[in-house]
Amino acid sequence: MMYDAAIRASARTGSAFLVALFVAAFLVRAAYVVTLDESLQFADSVGYDALAKNLLAGKGLVFDETHQVVRAPFYPIFLAACYELFGPGALLMPRLIQCAVG
């Protein structure tokens, strides 16, 4: 009986530690993200933004009329969903979601 109680207590302590670690990591990432301006920071960000906006416009996963996609489709689909829910220029929400997932 004492052994089982010790194992349960150890599991609770381990779980609490993991939750605290997750929360701390999220807060550090979120603190950084909220300091960023609402512009696209890197060249690939511009490409993913264009893919997401074209997807929302019904054009498919294309950069423009002449350039087809050469990237994996999930991230542009994720961005398109965020733009649909929070607005086409809402960069903070996808960044915060990535903080939680990361």
N, C-alpha and C. Protein backbone atom coordinates (compact mmCIF):
# COMPACT_ATOMS: atom_id res chain seq x y z
N MET A 1 0.80 -1.20 0.00
CA MET A 1 0.00 0.00 0.00
C MET A 1 0.85 1.26 0.00
N MET A 2 1.86 1.29 0.85
CA MET A 2 2.71 2.47 0.92
C MET A 2 3.46 2.66 -0.40
N TYR A 3 3.82 1.54 -1.01
CA TYR A 3 4.55 1.61 -2.27
C TYR A 3 3.67 2.23 -3.36
N ASP A 4 2.40 1.82 -3.44
CA ASP A 4 1.46 2.38 -4.42
C ASP A 4 1.25 3.87 -4.19
N ALA A 5 1.12 4.27 -2.95
CA ALA A 5 0.94 5.69 -2.64
C ALA A 5 2.17 6.50 -3.05
N ALA A 6 3.34 5.94 -2.84
CA ALA A 6 4.57 6.63 -3.22
C ALA A 6 4.67 6.78 -4.74
N ILE A 7 4.25 5.76 -5.46
CA ILE A 7 4.27 5.83 -6.93
C ILE A 7 3.28 6.88 -7.42
N ARG A 8 2.07 6.91 -6.85
CA ARG A 8 1.08 7.91 -7.25
C ARG A 8 1.58 9.32 -6.94
N ALA A 9 2.18 9.51 -5.78
CA ALA A 9 2.71 10.82 -5.41
C ALA A 9 3.82 11.24 -6.35
N SER A 10 4.67 10.29 -6.72
CA SER A 10 5.76 10.57 -7.65
C SER A 10 5.22 10.94 -9.02
N ALA A 11 4.18 10.24 -9.47
CA ALA A 11 3.57 10.53 -10.76
C ALA A 11 2.94 11.92 -10.76
N ARG A 12 2.27 12.28 -9.66
CA ARG A 12 1.67 13.62 -9.56
C ARG A 12 2.74 14.70 -9.60
N THR A 13 3.83 14.46 -8.88
CA THR A 13 4.93 15.42 -8.87
C THR A 13 5.53 15.57 -10.26
N GLY A 14 5.73 14.45 -10.94
CA GLY A 14 6.26 14.48 -12.30
C GLY A 14 5.33 15.18 -13.26
N SER A 15 4.03 14.93 -13.13
CA SER A 15 3.05 15.59 -13.99
C SER A 15 3.02 17.08 -13.73
N ALA A 16 3.05 17.47 -12.47
CA ALA A 16 3.04 18.89 -12.12
C ALA A 16 4.29 19.58 -12.67
N PHE A 17 5.42 18.90 -12.61
CA PHE A 17 6.65 19.46 -13.15
C PHE A 17 6.54 19.67 -14.65
N LEU A 18 6.00 18.68 -15.36
CA LEU A 18 5.86 18.79 -16.82
C LEU A 18 4.90 19.91 -17.20
N VAL A 19 3.81 20.05 -16.48
CA VAL A 19 2.86 21.14 -16.75
C VAL A 19 3.54 22.48 -16.51
N ALA A 20 4.27 22.60 -15.40
CA ALA A 20 4.97 23.85 -15.09
C ALA A 20 6.02 24.16 -16.16
N LEU A 21 6.71 23.14 -16.63
CA LEU A 21 7.71 23.32 -17.68
C LEU A 21 7.05 23.78 -18.98
N PHE A 22 5.93 23.17 -19.34
CA PHE A 22 5.20 23.56 -20.54
C PHE A 22 4.73 25.01 -20.44
N VAL A 23 4.15 25.38 -19.30
CA VAL A 23 3.66 26.75 -19.11
C VAL A 23 4.81 27.75 -19.18
N ALA A 24 5.93 27.44 -18.54
CA ALA A 24 7.08 28.34 -18.57
C ALA A 24 7.61 28.50 -19.99
N ALA A 25 7.71 27.40 -20.73
CA ALA A 25 8.19 27.47 -22.11
C ALA A 25 7.24 28.29 -22.97
N PHE A 26 5.94 28.09 -22.78
CA PHE A 26 4.95 28.86 -23.54
C PHE A 26 5.08 30.35 -23.22
N LEU A 27 5.22 30.69 -21.95
CA LEU A 27 5.31 32.10 -21.56
C LEU A 27 6.56 32.77 -22.14
N VAL A 28 7.67 32.07 -22.17
CA VAL A 28 8.89 32.63 -22.76
C VAL A 28 8.68 32.88 -24.25
N ARG A 29 8.12 31.90 -24.95
CA ARG A 29 7.87 32.05 -26.39
C ARG A 29 6.86 33.16 -26.65
N ALA A 30 5.78 33.18 -25.88
CA ALA A 30 4.73 34.18 -26.09
C ALA A 30 5.27 35.59 -25.80
N ALA A 31 6.10 35.73 -24.78
CA ALA A 31 6.69 37.04 -24.48
C ALA A 31 7.51 37.54 -25.65
N TYR A 32 8.23 36.65 -26.31
CA TYR A 32 8.99 37.05 -27.49
C TYR A 32 8.06 37.41 -28.64
N VAL A 33 7.05 36.58 -28.88
CA VAL A 33 6.15 36.78 -30.01
C VAL A 33 5.41 38.11 -29.92
N VAL A 34 4.96 38.49 -28.74
CA VAL A 34 4.20 39.73 -28.63
C VAL A 34 5.08 40.96 -28.81
N THR A 35 6.40 40.80 -28.75
CA THR A 35 7.28 41.94 -29.02
C THR A 35 7.51 42.16 -30.51
N LEU A 36 7.18 41.16 -31.34
CA LEU A 36 7.36 41.29 -32.78
C LEU A 36 6.31 42.23 -33.35
N ASP A 37 6.69 42.94 -34.40
CA ASP A 37 5.68 43.76 -35.07
C ASP A 37 4.84 42.86 -35.98
N GLU A 38 3.78 43.42 -36.50
CA GLU A 38 2.84 42.64 -37.31
C GLU A 38 3.27 42.57 -38.77
N SER A 39 4.56 42.48 -39.00
CA SER A 39 5.04 42.33 -40.37
C SER A 39 5.66 40.94 -40.53
N LEU A 40 5.86 40.57 -41.76
CA LEU A 40 6.49 39.29 -42.04
C LEU A 40 7.99 39.46 -41.89
N GLN A 41 8.61 38.61 -41.09
CA GLN A 41 10.00 38.79 -40.69
C GLN A 41 11.02 38.25 -41.70
N PHE A 42 10.66 37.22 -42.43
CA PHE A 42 11.63 36.53 -43.29
C PHE A 42 11.03 36.31 -44.68
N ALA A 43 11.89 36.02 -45.64
CA ALA A 43 11.44 35.83 -47.02
C ALA A 43 10.48 34.65 -47.14
N ASP A 44 10.74 33.56 -46.42
CA ASP A 44 9.83 32.42 -46.53
C ASP A 44 8.48 32.74 -45.90
N SER A 45 8.44 33.68 -44.95
CA SER A 45 7.16 34.10 -44.37
C SER A 45 6.27 34.73 -45.43
N VAL A 46 6.88 35.51 -46.31
CA VAL A 46 6.13 36.15 -47.39
C VAL A 46 5.53 35.08 -48.31
N GLY A 47 6.30 34.05 -48.60
CA GLY A 47 5.81 32.97 -49.45
C GLY A 47 4.66 32.21 -48.82
N TYR A 48 4.80 31.86 -47.55
CA TYR A 48 3.73 31.15 -46.86
C TYR A 48 2.48 32.01 -46.75
N ASP A 49 2.67 33.30 -46.52
CA ASP A 49 1.54 34.23 -46.45
C ASP A 49 0.81 34.27 -47.79
N ALA A 50 1.56 34.35 -48.88
CA ALA A 50 0.95 34.37 -50.21
C ALA A 50 0.20 33.07 -50.50
N LEU A 51 0.79 31.94 -50.12
CA LEU A 51 0.11 30.66 -50.33
C LEU A 51 -1.20 30.61 -49.56
N ALA A 52 -1.18 31.04 -48.31
CA ALA A 52 -2.39 31.01 -47.49
C ALA A 52 -3.47 31.92 -48.05
N LYS A 53 -3.09 33.12 -48.46
CA LYS A 53 -4.08 34.07 -49.01
C LYS A 53 -4.63 33.58 -50.34
N ASN A 54 -3.79 32.98 -51.19
CA ASN A 54 -4.29 32.43 -52.45
C ASN A 54 -5.21 31.24 -52.21
N LEU A 55 -4.90 30.45 -51.21
CA LEU A 55 -5.78 29.33 -50.86
C LEU A 55 -7.14 29.84 -50.42
N LEU A 56 -7.15 30.88 -49.59
CA LEU A 56 -8.43 31.46 -49.15
C LEU A 56 -9.20 32.08 -50.30
N ALA A 57 -8.49 32.61 -51.28
CA ALA A 57 -9.14 33.23 -52.44
C ALA A 57 -9.64 32.20 -53.44
N GLY A 58 -9.40 30.92 -53.16
CA GLY A 58 -9.88 29.87 -54.05
C GLY A 58 -8.95 29.57 -55.22
N LYS A 59 -7.74 30.09 -55.18
CA LYS A 59 -6.79 29.87 -56.27
C LYS A 59 -5.96 28.61 -56.09
N GLY A 60 -6.04 28.01 -54.91
CA GLY A 60 -5.25 26.81 -54.63
C GLY A 60 -3.92 27.17 -54.01
N LEU A 61 -3.07 26.17 -53.87
CA LEU A 61 -1.75 26.37 -53.26
C LEU A 61 -0.76 26.82 -54.33
N VAL A 62 -0.86 28.08 -54.72
CA VAL A 62 0.04 28.67 -55.71
C VAL A 62 0.55 30.00 -55.18
N PHE A 63 1.78 30.36 -55.60
CA PHE A 63 2.32 31.67 -55.22
C PHE A 63 1.64 32.77 -56.03
N ASP A 64 1.55 32.56 -57.31
CA ASP A 64 0.84 33.47 -58.21
C ASP A 64 0.37 32.63 -59.40
N GLU A 65 -0.06 33.27 -60.45
CA GLU A 65 -0.62 32.53 -61.58
C GLU A 65 0.41 31.65 -62.29
N THR A 66 1.69 31.97 -62.17
CA THR A 66 2.70 31.23 -62.93
C THR A 66 3.54 30.29 -62.09
N HIS A 67 3.52 30.42 -60.78
CA HIS A 67 4.39 29.61 -59.92
C HIS A 67 3.57 28.66 -59.05
N GLN A 68 3.82 27.39 -59.25
CA GLN A 68 3.14 26.37 -58.45
C GLN A 68 3.89 26.17 -57.13
N VAL A 69 3.25 25.51 -56.21
CA VAL A 69 3.82 25.27 -54.88
C VAL A 69 4.96 24.27 -54.93
N VAL A 70 5.98 24.56 -54.15
CA VAL A 70 7.10 23.63 -54.01
C VAL A 70 7.34 23.34 -52.52
N ARG A 71 6.34 23.58 -51.71
CA ARG A 71 6.45 23.38 -50.26
C ARG A 71 5.35 22.43 -49.79
N ALA A 72 5.57 21.88 -48.61
CA ALA A 72 4.56 21.01 -48.00
C ALA A 72 3.29 21.82 -47.73
N PRO A 73 2.13 21.22 -47.87
CA PRO A 73 0.88 21.98 -47.82
C PRO A 73 0.36 22.31 -46.42
N PHE A 74 0.82 21.64 -45.35
CA PHE A 74 0.15 21.83 -44.06
C PHE A 74 0.26 23.26 -43.54
N TYR A 75 1.44 23.85 -43.55
CA TYR A 75 1.59 25.18 -42.95
C TYR A 75 0.76 26.24 -43.66
N PRO A 76 0.74 26.29 -45.00
CA PRO A 76 -0.17 27.25 -45.65
C PRO A 76 -1.64 26.99 -45.32
N ILE A 77 -2.02 25.73 -45.17
CA ILE A 77 -3.41 25.42 -44.79
C ILE A 77 -3.68 25.90 -43.37
N PHE A 78 -2.73 25.68 -42.47
CA PHE A 78 -2.85 26.18 -41.09
C PHE A 78 -2.99 27.71 -41.09
N LEU A 79 -2.14 28.40 -41.85
CA LEU A 79 -2.23 29.87 -41.92
C LEU A 79 -3.57 30.31 -42.50
N ALA A 80 -4.01 29.64 -43.55
CA ALA A 80 -5.29 30.00 -44.16
C ALA A 80 -6.43 29.85 -43.16
N ALA A 81 -6.40 28.79 -42.36
CA ALA A 81 -7.43 28.60 -41.33
C ALA A 81 -7.37 29.72 -40.30
N CYS A 82 -6.17 30.09 -39.89
CA CYS A 82 -6.02 31.20 -38.93
C CYS A 82 -6.51 32.51 -39.53
N TYR A 83 -6.18 32.76 -40.80
CA TYR A 83 -6.63 33.99 -41.46
C TYR A 83 -8.15 34.00 -41.58
N GLU A 84 -8.73 32.86 -41.85
CA GLU A 84 -10.19 32.78 -41.95
C GLU A 84 -10.85 33.08 -40.61
N LEU A 85 -10.27 32.56 -39.53
CA LEU A 85 -10.85 32.74 -38.20
C LEU A 85 -10.56 34.11 -37.60
N PHE A 86 -9.35 34.64 -37.81
CA PHE A 86 -8.92 35.84 -37.10
C PHE A 86 -8.67 37.04 -38.00
N GLY A 87 -8.81 36.89 -39.30
CA GLY A 87 -8.57 37.99 -40.23
C GLY A 87 -7.28 37.78 -41.02
N PRO A 88 -7.24 38.30 -42.25
CA PRO A 88 -6.12 38.00 -43.14
C PRO A 88 -4.78 38.59 -42.71
N GLY A 89 -4.77 39.57 -41.85
CA GLY A 89 -3.50 40.15 -41.41
C GLY A 89 -3.14 39.78 -39.99
N ALA A 90 -3.89 38.89 -39.40
CA ALA A 90 -3.69 38.54 -37.99
C ALA A 90 -2.53 37.57 -37.84
N LEU A 91 -1.33 38.10 -37.67
CA LEU A 91 -0.16 37.24 -37.53
C LEU A 91 0.07 36.80 -36.10
N LEU A 92 -0.51 37.50 -35.14
CA LEU A 92 -0.26 37.16 -33.73
C LEU A 92 -0.86 35.81 -33.37
N MET A 93 -2.07 35.52 -33.82
CA MET A 93 -2.72 34.27 -33.43
C MET A 93 -1.99 33.03 -33.94
N PRO A 94 -1.58 32.96 -35.22
CA PRO A 94 -0.81 31.78 -35.63
C PRO A 94 0.49 31.66 -34.85
N ARG A 95 1.11 32.77 -34.54
CA ARG A 95 2.36 32.74 -33.77
C ARG A 95 2.12 32.21 -32.36
N LEU A 96 1.03 32.63 -31.73
CA LEU A 96 0.73 32.14 -30.38
C LEU A 96 0.36 30.66 -30.39
N ILE A 97 -0.37 30.24 -31.41
CA ILE A 97 -0.70 28.82 -31.53
C ILE A 97 0.58 28.00 -31.69
N GLN A 98 1.51 28.51 -32.48
CA GLN A 98 2.79 27.82 -32.65
C GLN A 98 3.58 27.79 -31.35
N CYS A 99 3.44 28.84 -30.53
CA CYS A 99 4.09 28.83 -29.21
C CYS A 99 3.55 27.69 -28.36
N ALA A 100 2.25 27.47 -28.42
CA ALA A 100 1.64 26.41 -27.62
C ALA A 100 2.04 25.03 -28.14
N VAL A 101 2.12 24.89 -29.45
CA VAL A 101 2.46 23.60 -30.04
C VAL A 101 3.95 23.30 -29.88
N GLY A 102 4.77 24.35 -29.96
CA GLY A 102 6.23 24.19 -29.91
C GLY A 102 6.70 23.74 -28.60
